[in-house]
Amino acid sequence: MLVHLRLTVPTALSEEVVALLEDHQRSANLTVTVGACRSPAGDLVECDVARELVGELLARLKDLGLDEVGGIVVTTPTATPFAAARRLERSAPGDPDDAVIWESVIEQGYAASRPTVSFHVFLVLATLLAAIAVVTDSSVLVIGAMVVGPEFTTVAAIATGLVFGHAGLTVRALRLLVLSFVLAIATVALLSLLAAATGLVTTDMVTRPRPQTGFIWHPDRWSFIVALIAGAAGVLALTTARANAMVGVFISVTTVPAAGNLAVALGTWAPSEVRGSLAQLGLNVAGMLVAGVVVLVLQRLLWNRVLKASQRLFSRP
């Protein structure tokens, strides 16, 4: 798997940047368009590099100061069916699926901490689905609410900010997480209150035995353990670009279902379920956050050593 670099390089740095990328073991398709850039004035440099080497190259480019005076754009091509690409992939250490581009992880964190309208709408809709699941005792709707909920990436952003010392990222992501849940719970609680006033929903519907959905407001030690495992898997999926694993994370933790149960319990006033839902919500967020921090710290400290050991043990043909 190759990654494409598009660099806006001031004239004064162009020679050093090109010299860094000219190594045929490091890049392919190196292109230099002299004088193409107007802001800042300089050259446009593009190349393809093995994903495993991107972190090292970005660090070198930052040492040259390109991130301050020029531009760095990293993209992933859909396919690279040419011989030089295969050569780069063979010569690069490790496996591209295991490579971590920390700059990309941090950028994802900042993207996940933006208070977009779509984020709030998805969380409100997910919480509403969870509330209906409570009323109808539907496990299918619980799963649907888990998948629709967008909150995990924001929890991961908080962990990223803590590990990398980006206080602004941590504050932004934490504020978004808290305010978005408050908005979603308040909105669904108000709708539940209106439904209760019209007789569509009653307190008995919420407090009756619910064999399919009762677990979402009964936290126990397993709730925290599952949150830890799901948080670890989610952060590992984000850092190694394995998006397919995220679905399993979404349907493992009952964060959004707990918020839906809390909202409908507030709307129909079921105090015991309010307390249980708050506890479940807190345990899930805390478990994912702790796991996220631990995984990121371990990856920063040990990941390269683990990959080298793995390469020696399972050498590629």
Protein backbone atom coordinates (compact mmCIF):
# COMPACT_ATOMS: atom_id res chain seq x y z
CA MET A 1 0.00 0.00 0.00
CA LEU A 2 1.45 3.33 -1.09
CA VAL A 3 0.70 6.82 0.13
CA HIS A 4 0.90 9.91 -2.08
CA LEU A 5 2.69 13.02 -0.85
CA ARG A 6 1.96 16.42 -2.39
CA LEU A 7 4.41 19.01 -1.10
CA THR A 8 4.43 22.77 -1.58
CA VAL A 9 8.10 23.59 -1.14
CA PRO A 10 9.61 27.08 -0.90
CA THR A 11 12.55 27.52 -3.28
CA ALA A 12 15.06 27.67 -0.41
CA LEU A 13 14.06 24.17 0.78
CA SER A 14 13.47 22.52 -2.57
CA GLU A 15 16.94 21.01 -2.98
CA GLU A 16 16.93 19.42 0.49
CA VAL A 17 13.41 18.04 0.11
CA VAL A 18 14.12 16.53 -3.31
CA ALA A 19 17.37 15.00 -2.04
CA LEU A 20 15.43 13.38 0.82
CA LEU A 21 12.91 11.81 -1.56
CA GLU A 22 15.24 10.81 -4.42
CA ASP A 23 16.29 7.55 -2.79
CA HIS A 24 14.66 4.84 -4.95
CA GLN A 25 14.18 2.71 -1.81
CA ARG A 26 12.10 5.50 -0.29
CA SER A 27 9.84 6.82 -3.06
CA ALA A 28 8.52 6.30 -6.58
CA ASN A 29 7.05 8.62 -9.20
CA LEU A 30 9.02 11.59 -7.88
CA THR A 31 7.86 14.69 -9.74
CA VAL A 32 9.24 18.21 -9.35
CA THR A 33 7.45 21.10 -11.03
CA VAL A 34 9.80 24.04 -10.64
CA GLY A 35 8.16 27.38 -9.91
CA ALA A 36 4.63 25.95 -9.94
CA CYS A 37 3.67 27.27 -6.51
CA ARG A 38 2.57 30.86 -5.95
CA SER A 39 1.78 30.74 -2.24
CA PRO A 40 4.34 30.14 -0.95
CA ALA A 41 6.51 30.80 -3.98
CA GLY A 42 8.42 27.66 -4.84
CA ASP A 43 8.17 24.19 -6.33
CA LEU A 44 5.53 21.50 -6.36
CA VAL A 45 6.98 18.12 -5.33
CA GLU A 46 4.97 14.91 -5.53
CA CYS A 47 5.84 11.27 -4.96
CA ASP A 48 4.51 7.92 -3.78
CA VAL A 49 6.00 6.26 -0.70
CA ALA A 50 5.38 3.04 1.19
CA ARG A 51 2.93 3.56 4.04
CA GLU A 52 5.45 2.09 6.49
CA LEU A 53 7.88 4.94 5.74
CA VAL A 54 5.44 7.85 5.83
CA GLY A 55 5.93 8.57 9.53
CA GLU A 56 9.70 8.75 9.16
CA LEU A 57 9.48 10.98 6.07
CA LEU A 58 7.00 13.36 7.67
CA ALA A 59 9.27 13.69 10.68
CA ARG A 60 12.21 14.51 8.40
CA LEU A 61 10.14 17.04 6.45
CA LYS A 62 9.10 18.68 9.71
CA ASP A 63 12.74 18.82 10.80
CA LEU A 64 13.39 20.80 7.61
CA GLY A 65 10.57 23.16 8.63
CA LEU A 66 8.34 22.38 5.67
CA ASP A 67 5.25 22.16 7.87
CA GLU A 68 5.79 25.78 8.93
CA VAL A 69 6.75 27.44 5.64
CA GLY A 70 5.25 25.12 3.03
CA GLY A 71 2.51 22.55 2.64
CA ILE A 72 2.18 18.80 3.17
CA VAL A 73 -0.79 16.83 1.84
CA VAL A 74 -1.06 13.06 2.40
CA THR A 75 -3.53 10.97 0.40
CA THR A 76 -4.05 7.26 -0.22
CA PRO A 77 -4.43 6.12 -3.84
CA THR A 78 -7.16 3.63 -4.68
CA ALA A 79 -4.71 1.36 -6.50
CA THR A 80 -1.04 1.41 -7.53
CA PRO A 81 -0.64 -1.36 -10.17
CA PHE A 82 2.96 -0.77 -11.27
CA ALA A 83 6.28 -2.52 -10.67
CA ALA A 84 7.96 0.24 -8.64
CA ALA A 85 5.05 0.16 -6.17
CA ARG A 86 5.55 -3.54 -5.57
CA ARG A 87 9.28 -2.97 -5.15
CA LEU A 88 8.71 -0.28 -2.55
CA GLU A 89 6.25 -2.47 -0.66
CA ARG A 90 8.72 -5.36 -0.59
CA SER A 91 11.63 -3.23 0.58
CA ALA A 92 9.71 -1.33 3.26
CA PRO A 93 9.98 -2.76 6.80
CA GLY A 94 6.89 -4.39 8.28
CA ASP A 95 3.45 -4.56 6.73
CA PRO A 96 1.41 -1.56 5.47
CA ASP A 97 -1.67 -2.70 7.39
CA ASP A 98 0.29 -2.37 10.64
CA ALA A 99 1.86 1.01 9.87
CA VAL A 100 0.73 3.96 11.98
CA ILE A 101 0.85 7.51 10.63
CA TRP A 102 0.68 9.53 13.83
CA GLU A 103 0.09 12.83 12.03
CA SER A 104 -3.00 11.29 10.46
CA VAL A 105 -4.22 10.03 13.84
CA ILE A 106 -3.92 13.53 15.30
CA GLU A 107 -5.69 15.08 12.30
CA GLN A 108 -8.50 12.54 12.70
CA GLY A 109 -8.76 13.61 16.33
CA TYR A 110 -9.19 17.25 15.39
CA ALA A 111 -11.77 16.31 12.75
CA ALA A 112 -13.71 14.25 15.32
CA SER A 113 -13.76 17.17 17.78
CA ARG A 114 -15.54 19.60 15.45
CA PRO A 115 -19.12 20.34 16.58
CA THR A 116 -20.80 19.70 13.24
CA VAL A 117 -24.54 19.72 12.69
CA SER A 118 -24.42 16.18 11.30
CA PHE A 119 -22.69 14.88 14.45
CA HIS A 120 -25.42 16.29 16.69
CA VAL A 121 -28.20 15.06 14.38
CA PHE A 122 -26.79 11.52 14.25
CA LEU A 123 -26.44 11.39 18.03
CA VAL A 124 -30.00 12.66 18.55
CA LEU A 125 -31.36 10.10 16.07
CA ALA A 126 -29.32 7.30 17.66
CA THR A 127 -30.57 8.26 21.12
CA LEU A 128 -34.13 8.39 19.81
CA LEU A 129 -33.76 4.89 18.35
CA ALA A 130 -32.43 3.69 21.69
CA ALA A 131 -35.41 5.27 23.50
CA ILE A 132 -37.84 3.48 21.19
CA ALA A 133 -35.90 0.27 21.80
CA VAL A 134 -36.51 0.74 25.53
CA VAL A 135 -40.24 1.28 25.07
CA THR A 136 -40.64 -1.67 22.68
CA ASP A 137 -37.97 -3.87 24.34
CA SER A 138 -36.29 -4.39 20.98
CA SER A 139 -32.70 -5.66 20.88
CA VAL A 140 -32.60 -5.00 17.13
CA LEU A 141 -33.21 -1.30 17.69
CA VAL A 142 -30.53 -1.26 20.38
CA ILE A 143 -28.01 -2.52 17.83
CA GLY A 144 -29.26 0.04 15.31
CA ALA A 145 -28.76 2.83 17.82
CA MET A 146 -25.22 1.63 18.56
CA VAL A 147 -24.27 1.67 14.89
CA VAL A 148 -25.79 5.10 14.19
CA GLY A 149 -24.11 6.73 17.20
CA PRO A 150 -21.00 8.76 16.18
CA GLU A 151 -19.50 9.21 19.64
CA PHE A 152 -16.58 6.77 19.62
CA THR A 153 -14.28 8.85 17.42
CA THR A 154 -14.76 11.79 19.79
CA VAL A 155 -13.80 9.62 22.77
CA ALA A 156 -10.72 8.53 20.77
CA ALA A 157 -9.94 12.20 20.10
CA ILE A 158 -9.91 12.90 23.85
CA ALA A 159 -7.44 10.03 24.34
CA THR A 160 -5.30 11.30 21.46
CA GLY A 161 -5.14 14.79 22.94
CA LEU A 162 -4.13 13.39 26.34
CA VAL A 163 -1.39 11.13 24.98
CA PHE A 164 0.13 13.65 22.58
CA GLY A 165 -0.17 16.61 24.95
CA HIS A 166 -2.60 18.55 22.75
CA ALA A 167 -4.62 20.23 25.49
CA GLY A 168 -6.73 22.13 22.98
CA LEU A 169 -7.78 18.90 21.26
CA THR A 170 -8.68 17.28 24.58
CA VAL A 171 -10.80 20.23 25.67
CA ARG A 172 -12.55 20.53 22.31
CA ALA A 173 -13.36 16.83 22.10
CA LEU A 174 -14.50 16.62 25.74
CA ARG A 175 -16.73 19.66 25.32
CA LEU A 176 -18.27 18.20 22.17
CA LEU A 177 -18.89 14.84 23.84
CA VAL A 178 -20.56 16.34 26.91
CA LEU A 179 -22.63 18.98 25.13
CA SER A 180 -23.76 16.63 22.37
CA PHE A 181 -24.97 14.03 24.85
CA VAL A 182 -26.71 16.71 26.92
CA LEU A 183 -28.45 17.99 23.77
CA ALA A 184 -29.43 14.49 22.59
CA ILE A 185 -30.72 13.39 26.00
CA ALA A 186 -32.61 16.66 26.54
CA THR A 187 -34.21 16.45 23.09
CA VAL A 188 -35.33 12.84 23.48
CA ALA A 189 -36.45 13.46 27.08
CA LEU A 190 -38.66 16.29 25.84
CA LEU A 191 -40.12 14.04 23.14
CA SER A 192 -40.69 11.35 25.78
CA LEU A 193 -42.45 13.89 27.98
CA LEU A 194 -44.75 14.80 25.09
CA ALA A 195 -45.36 11.12 24.33
CA ALA A 196 -46.19 10.51 28.00
CA ALA A 197 -48.63 13.45 27.98
CA THR A 198 -50.48 11.93 25.03
CA GLY A 199 -50.46 8.41 26.48
CA LEU A 200 -48.17 7.03 23.79
CA VAL A 201 -45.57 6.15 26.43
CA THR A 202 -46.16 5.32 30.09
CA THR A 203 -43.84 4.85 33.06
CA ASP A 204 -44.86 1.19 33.22
CA MET A 205 -43.47 0.64 29.71
CA VAL A 206 -40.09 1.80 30.94
CA THR A 207 -39.99 0.16 34.37
CA ARG A 208 -41.55 -3.20 33.45
CA PRO A 209 -39.24 -6.22 33.09
CA ARG A 210 -37.43 -5.92 29.75
CA PRO A 211 -35.54 -9.15 28.99
CA GLN A 212 -34.13 -7.80 25.69
CA THR A 213 -33.02 -4.32 26.78
CA GLY A 214 -32.83 -4.35 30.59
CA PHE A 215 -29.05 -4.75 30.45
CA ILE A 216 -28.53 -1.21 29.16
CA TRP A 217 -29.28 0.35 32.54
CA HIS A 218 -27.86 -2.41 34.77
CA PRO A 219 -24.10 -1.73 34.83
CA ASP A 220 -21.77 -4.34 36.28
CA ARG A 221 -18.10 -5.28 36.10
CA TRP A 222 -18.62 -6.76 32.65
CA SER A 223 -19.89 -3.43 31.34
CA PHE A 224 -16.54 -1.86 32.16
CA ILE A 225 -14.54 -4.82 30.84
CA VAL A 226 -16.42 -4.75 27.52
CA ALA A 227 -15.88 -1.00 27.26
CA LEU A 228 -12.14 -1.49 27.83
CA ILE A 229 -11.90 -4.16 25.13
CA ALA A 230 -14.04 -2.21 22.67
CA GLY A 231 -12.07 0.98 23.32
CA ALA A 232 -8.78 -0.82 22.72
CA ALA A 233 -10.07 -2.39 19.50
CA GLY A 234 -11.49 0.91 18.30
CA VAL A 235 -8.30 2.90 18.82
CA LEU A 236 -6.23 0.14 17.19
CA ALA A 237 -8.62 0.19 14.21
CA LEU A 238 -8.32 3.98 13.90
CA THR A 239 -4.53 4.06 14.09
CA THR A 240 -4.02 1.22 11.60
CA ALA A 241 -6.78 2.33 9.21
CA ARG A 242 -8.87 -0.82 9.65
CA ALA A 243 -12.28 0.80 9.36
CA ASN A 244 -14.07 -2.56 9.00
CA ALA A 245 -13.32 -3.32 12.65
CA MET A 246 -15.18 -0.22 13.82
CA VAL A 247 -18.61 -1.78 13.34
CA GLY A 248 -17.78 -4.34 16.01
CA VAL A 249 -16.75 -1.55 18.34
CA PHE A 250 -20.01 0.33 17.77
CA ILE A 251 -22.17 -2.66 18.67
CA SER A 252 -20.12 -3.68 21.70
CA VAL A 253 -20.67 -0.77 24.05
CA THR A 254 -24.02 0.52 25.30
CA THR A 255 -23.17 4.23 25.43
CA VAL A 256 -25.97 5.46 23.19
CA PRO A 257 -28.51 2.88 24.48
CA ALA A 258 -27.79 4.09 28.03
CA ALA A 259 -28.38 7.68 26.87
CA GLY A 260 -31.69 6.64 25.26
CA ASN A 261 -32.76 4.83 28.42
CA LEU A 262 -31.80 7.88 30.47
CA ALA A 263 -33.79 10.20 28.21
CA VAL A 264 -36.99 8.14 28.28
CA ALA A 265 -36.61 7.57 32.03
CA LEU A 266 -36.41 11.33 32.53
CA GLY A 267 -39.42 11.92 30.29
CA THR A 268 -41.56 9.40 32.17
CA TRP A 269 -39.74 9.96 35.48
CA ALA A 270 -38.36 6.59 36.49
CA PRO A 271 -35.66 7.60 39.05
CA SER A 272 -34.07 4.17 39.46
CA GLU A 273 -33.50 3.87 35.71
CA VAL A 274 -32.13 7.40 35.58
CA ARG A 275 -29.43 6.45 38.09
CA GLY A 276 -28.65 3.15 36.38
CA SER A 277 -28.46 4.74 32.95
CA LEU A 278 -26.11 7.47 34.18
CA ALA A 279 -23.85 4.84 35.73
CA GLN A 280 -23.85 2.76 32.53
CA LEU A 281 -23.09 5.80 30.39
CA GLY A 282 -20.24 6.88 32.66
CA LEU A 283 -18.73 3.38 32.82
CA ASN A 284 -18.75 3.01 29.05
CA VAL A 285 -17.12 6.36 28.35
CA ALA A 286 -14.55 5.88 31.13
CA GLY A 287 -13.68 2.36 29.94
CA MET A 288 -13.21 3.42 26.31
CA LEU A 289 -11.17 6.46 27.32
CA VAL A 290 -8.85 4.50 29.63
CA ALA A 291 -8.33 1.80 26.99
CA GLY A 292 -7.72 4.41 24.30
CA VAL A 293 -5.02 6.14 26.33
CA VAL A 294 -3.31 2.86 27.24
CA VAL A 295 -3.30 1.57 23.65
CA LEU A 296 -1.94 4.83 22.25
CA VAL A 297 0.82 4.96 24.87
CA LEU A 298 1.79 1.33 24.22
CA GLN A 299 1.77 1.89 20.48
CA ARG A 300 4.05 4.91 20.76
CA LEU A 301 6.46 3.05 23.04
CA LEU A 302 6.44 -0.50 21.68
CA TRP A 303 4.75 -0.68 18.27
CA ASN A 304 7.93 -0.47 16.17
CA ARG A 305 9.62 -3.14 18.30
CA VAL A 306 6.60 -5.41 17.99
CA LEU A 307 6.55 -4.98 14.21
CA LYS A 308 10.25 -5.74 13.89
CA ALA A 309 9.88 -8.85 16.04
CA SER A 310 6.86 -9.91 13.99
CA GLN A 311 8.79 -9.42 10.76
CA ARG A 312 11.59 -11.66 12.00
CA LEU A 313 9.13 -14.29 13.18
CA PHE A 314 6.82 -14.19 10.16
CA SER A 315 9.15 -13.09 7.40
CA ARG A 316 7.38 -12.17 4.22
CA PRO A 317 8.11 -14.24 1.13
